[in-house]
């Protein structure tokens, strides 16, 4: 995972500005510190990992879920699909 982004006061030939910076690279420029802080918060939310450890709703085994709707492990999912097709 990359280093965390942060808000910094910077300047160039056009004048001073606030920026969201990661590893020395400017991700985005802002006119005010408060707008830069909001931009940083939005960046953190977008970069939040989607994968999460969850317990399977069928067998209870812990597995790496891909998203909030992914609640069955790879062993139980095929059985549930087969049952749904059979009992439809």
Protein backbone atom coordinates (compact mmCIF):
# COMPACT_ATOMS: atom_id res chain seq x y z
CA UNK A 1 0.00 0.00 0.00
CA UNK A 2 1.27 3.49 -0.77
CA UNK A 3 2.13 6.13 1.79
CA UNK A 4 -0.76 8.18 3.17
CA UNK A 5 -1.66 11.41 1.42
CA UNK A 6 -1.52 14.70 3.33
CA UNK A 7 -2.41 18.37 2.93
CA UNK A 8 0.49 20.80 2.43
CA UNK A 9 0.93 24.51 1.78
CA UNK A 10 2.97 24.98 -1.40
CA UNK A 11 4.05 27.68 -3.84
CA UNK A 12 5.12 27.93 -7.46
CA UNK A 13 5.48 30.67 -10.10
CA UNK A 14 1.71 31.26 -10.02
CA UNK A 15 1.65 31.81 -6.25
CA UNK A 16 0.77 29.91 -3.08
CA UNK A 17 -1.79 27.12 -2.89
CA UNK A 18 -2.85 24.14 -0.78
CA UNK A 19 -2.35 20.66 -2.16
CA UNK A 20 -3.06 17.01 -1.41
CA UNK A 21 0.33 15.35 -1.71
CA UNK A 22 1.50 11.72 -1.63
CA UNK A 23 5.15 10.66 -1.82
CA UNK A 24 6.17 14.15 -3.01
CA UNK A 25 3.66 14.15 -5.87
CA UNK A 26 0.84 16.71 -5.98
CA UNK A 27 -2.44 14.86 -6.46
CA UNK A 28 -4.59 17.99 -6.60
CA UNK A 29 -4.35 21.76 -5.94
CA UNK A 30 -6.79 23.80 -3.85
CA UNK A 31 -7.26 27.49 -3.10
CA UNK A 32 -8.02 27.00 0.59
CA UNK A 33 -6.88 24.66 3.31
CA UNK A 34 -10.46 23.62 4.14
CA UNK A 35 -11.15 22.59 0.53
CA UNK A 36 -7.88 20.61 0.52
CA UNK A 37 -8.91 18.84 3.75
CA UNK A 38 -12.26 17.91 2.17
CA UNK A 39 -10.44 16.65 -0.92
CA UNK A 40 -8.18 14.52 1.27
CA UNK A 41 -11.19 13.06 3.11
CA UNK A 42 -12.83 12.15 -0.23
CA UNK A 43 -9.60 10.53 -1.43
CA UNK A 44 -9.35 8.42 1.72
CA UNK A 45 -12.96 7.20 1.30
CA UNK A 46 -12.36 6.27 -2.37
CA UNK A 47 -9.19 4.37 -1.51
CA UNK A 48 -10.68 2.41 1.37
CA UNK A 49 -10.19 -1.30 0.69
CA UNK A 50 -13.30 -3.13 -0.46
CA UNK A 51 -12.12 -6.56 0.67
CA UNK A 52 -12.91 -7.59 4.21
CA UNK A 53 -12.84 -10.74 6.31
CA UNK A 54 -16.38 -12.01 6.86
CA UNK A 55 -18.02 -15.13 8.23
CA UNK A 56 -19.90 -17.21 5.64
CA UNK A 57 -23.67 -17.02 6.25
CA UNK A 58 -23.98 -20.70 5.40
CA UNK A 59 -21.12 -22.48 7.20
CA UNK A 60 -19.60 -19.73 9.37
CA UNK A 61 -16.08 -20.14 7.92
CA UNK A 62 -14.07 -16.90 7.74
CA UNK A 63 -13.14 -15.81 4.20
CA UNK A 64 -12.00 -12.72 2.27
CA UNK A 65 -15.16 -11.01 1.03
CA UNK A 66 -14.87 -9.01 -2.22
CA UNK A 67 -17.66 -6.55 -1.32
CA UNK A 68 -20.55 -6.03 1.11
CA UNK A 69 -22.88 -8.36 -0.83
CA UNK A 70 -20.37 -11.22 -0.91
CA UNK A 71 -21.46 -13.23 2.13
CA UNK A 72 -20.85 -16.88 1.15
CA UNK A 73 -17.47 -18.59 0.96
CA UNK A 74 -16.32 -20.26 -2.26
CA UNK A 75 -17.29 -23.71 -0.93
CA UNK A 76 -20.90 -22.77 -0.12
CA UNK A 77 -21.68 -20.50 -3.08
CA UNK A 78 -21.81 -23.30 -5.73
CA UNK A 79 -24.12 -25.37 -3.52
CA UNK A 80 -26.46 -22.40 -3.02
CA UNK A 81 -26.53 -21.76 -6.78
CA UNK A 82 -27.28 -25.42 -7.49
CA UNK A 83 -30.10 -25.45 -4.89
CA UNK A 84 -31.60 -22.28 -6.34
CA UNK A 85 -31.57 -23.80 -9.85
CA UNK A 86 -33.07 -27.09 -8.65
CA UNK A 87 -35.75 -25.63 -6.39
CA UNK A 88 -36.08 -22.43 -8.45
